[in-house]
C-alpha atoms as a PDB file:
ATOM      1  CA  MET A   1     -70.496  -5.525  63.826  1.00  0.00           C
ATOM      2  CA  ARG A   2     -69.690  -2.212  65.410  1.00  0.00           C
ATOM      3  CA  VAL A   3     -66.261  -0.702  64.812  1.00  0.00           C
ATOM      4  CA  SER A   4     -65.210   2.310  66.834  1.00  0.00           C
ATOM      5  CA  SER A   5     -63.814   5.439  65.227  1.00  0.00           C
ATOM      6  CA  ILE A   6     -60.505   4.878  66.989  1.00  0.00           C
ATOM      7  CA  ALA A   7     -60.104   1.349  65.617  1.00  0.00           C
ATOM      8  CA  LYS A   8     -61.050   2.599  62.165  1.00  0.00           C
ATOM      9  CA  SER A   9     -58.474   5.377  62.278  1.00  0.00           C
ATOM     10  CA  ILE A  10     -55.694   3.068  63.523  1.00  0.00           C
ATOM     11  CA  VAL A  11     -56.286   0.619  60.687  1.00  0.00           C
ATOM     12  CA  GLY A  12     -56.516   3.460  58.173  1.00  0.00           C
ATOM     13  CA  GLY A  13     -53.260   4.966  59.432  1.00  0.00           C
ATOM     14  CA  LEU A  14     -51.461   1.633  59.294  1.00  0.00           C
ATOM     15  CA  ALA A  15     -52.700   1.031  55.760  1.00  0.00           C
ATOM     16  CA  ALA A  16     -51.604   4.493  54.607  1.00  0.00           C
ATOM     17  CA  GLY A  17     -48.226   4.133  56.290  1.00  0.00           C
ATOM     18  CA  ALA A  18     -47.643   0.677  54.830  1.00  0.00           C
ATOM     19  CA  THR A  19     -48.533   1.895  51.359  1.00  0.00           C
ATOM     20  CA  ALA A  20     -46.223   4.905  51.629  1.00  0.00           C
ATOM     21  CA  ALA A  21     -43.423   2.733  53.064  1.00  0.00           C
ATOM     22  CA  ALA A  22     -43.753   0.153  50.287  1.00  0.00           C
ATOM     23  CA  THR A  23     -43.493   2.899  47.693  1.00  0.00           C
ATOM     24  CA  ALA A  24     -40.567   4.577  49.466  1.00  0.00           C
ATOM     25  CA  LEU A  25     -38.594   1.332  49.785  1.00  0.00           C
ATOM     26  CA  GLN A  26     -38.745   0.419  46.098  1.00  0.00           C
ATOM     27  CA  ASP A  27     -35.103   1.481  45.673  1.00  0.00           C
ATOM     28  CA  GLY A  28     -33.986  -0.132  48.945  1.00  0.00           C
ATOM     29  CA  ILE A  29     -33.086   3.177  50.617  1.00  0.00           C
ATOM     30  CA  LEU A  30     -35.252   5.212  52.980  1.00  0.00           C
ATOM     31  CA  THR A  31     -34.398   8.918  52.912  1.00  0.00           C
ATOM     32  CA  SER A  32     -35.488  11.464  55.488  1.00  0.00           C
ATOM     33  CA  GLY A  33     -37.953  12.947  53.001  1.00  0.00           C
ATOM     34  CA  GLU A  34     -39.541   9.559  52.428  1.00  0.00           C
ATOM     35  CA  GLY A  35     -39.733   8.982  56.187  1.00  0.00           C
ATOM     36  CA  LEU A  36     -41.462  12.317  56.574  1.00  0.00           C
ATOM     37  CA  THR A  37     -43.916  11.372  53.816  1.00  0.00           C
ATOM     38  CA  ILE A  38     -44.736   8.120  55.642  1.00  0.00           C
ATOM     39  CA  ALA A  39     -45.299   9.974  58.919  1.00  0.00           C
ATOM     40  CA  ILE A  40     -47.534  12.566  57.250  1.00  0.00           C
ATOM     41  CA  ALA A  41     -49.551   9.816  55.521  1.00  0.00           C
ATOM     42  CA  VAL A  42     -50.140   8.043  58.849  1.00  0.00           C
ATOM     43  CA  LEU A  43     -51.098  11.208  60.725  1.00  0.00           C
ATOM     44  CA  ALA A  44     -53.353  12.458  57.935  1.00  0.00           C
ATOM     45  CA  ALA A  45     -55.149   9.126  57.700  1.00  0.00           C
ATOM     46  CA  TRP A  46     -55.646   9.012  61.462  1.00  0.00           C
ATOM     47  CA  GLY A  47     -57.164  12.492  61.489  1.00  0.00           C
ATOM     48  CA  ILE A  48     -59.323  12.110  58.395  1.00  0.00           C
ATOM     49  CA  VAL A  49     -60.696   8.663  59.217  1.00  0.00           C
ATOM     50  CA  TYR A  50     -61.362   9.602  62.856  1.00  0.00           C
ATOM     51  CA  THR A  51     -63.264  12.718  61.789  1.00  0.00           C
ATOM     52  CA  VAL A  52     -65.596  10.954  59.340  1.00  0.00           C
ATOM     53  CA  PRO A  53     -68.522   9.454  61.294  1.00  0.00           C
ATOM     54  CA  ASN A  54     -69.576   5.849  60.958  1.00  0.00           C
ATOM     55  CA  LYS A  55     -72.616   5.182  58.802  1.00  0.00           C
ATOM     56  CA  PRO A  56     -75.681   4.868  61.058  1.00  0.00           C
ATOM     57  CA  THR A  57     -77.307   1.461  61.099  1.00  0.00           C
ATOM     58  CA  PRO A  58     -80.889   1.401  59.834  1.00  0.00           C
ATOM     59  CA  SER A  59     -83.563   0.901  62.469  1.00  0.00           C
ATOM     60  CA  ALA A  60     -85.783  -2.122  62.148  1.00  0.00           C
END
């Protein structure tokens, strides 16, 4: 199965954002600082995951 770098980065960003949001919403209130943390987590994950190349498949 071949997964593109874009699909990988989208999933990674969603996972990072969901994790940061779950942590931020533990008290039931989302502050502007927590919202900024979520946005930074998503953007950082998109950039980092997109930059890392996929592992090459071994040739037969």
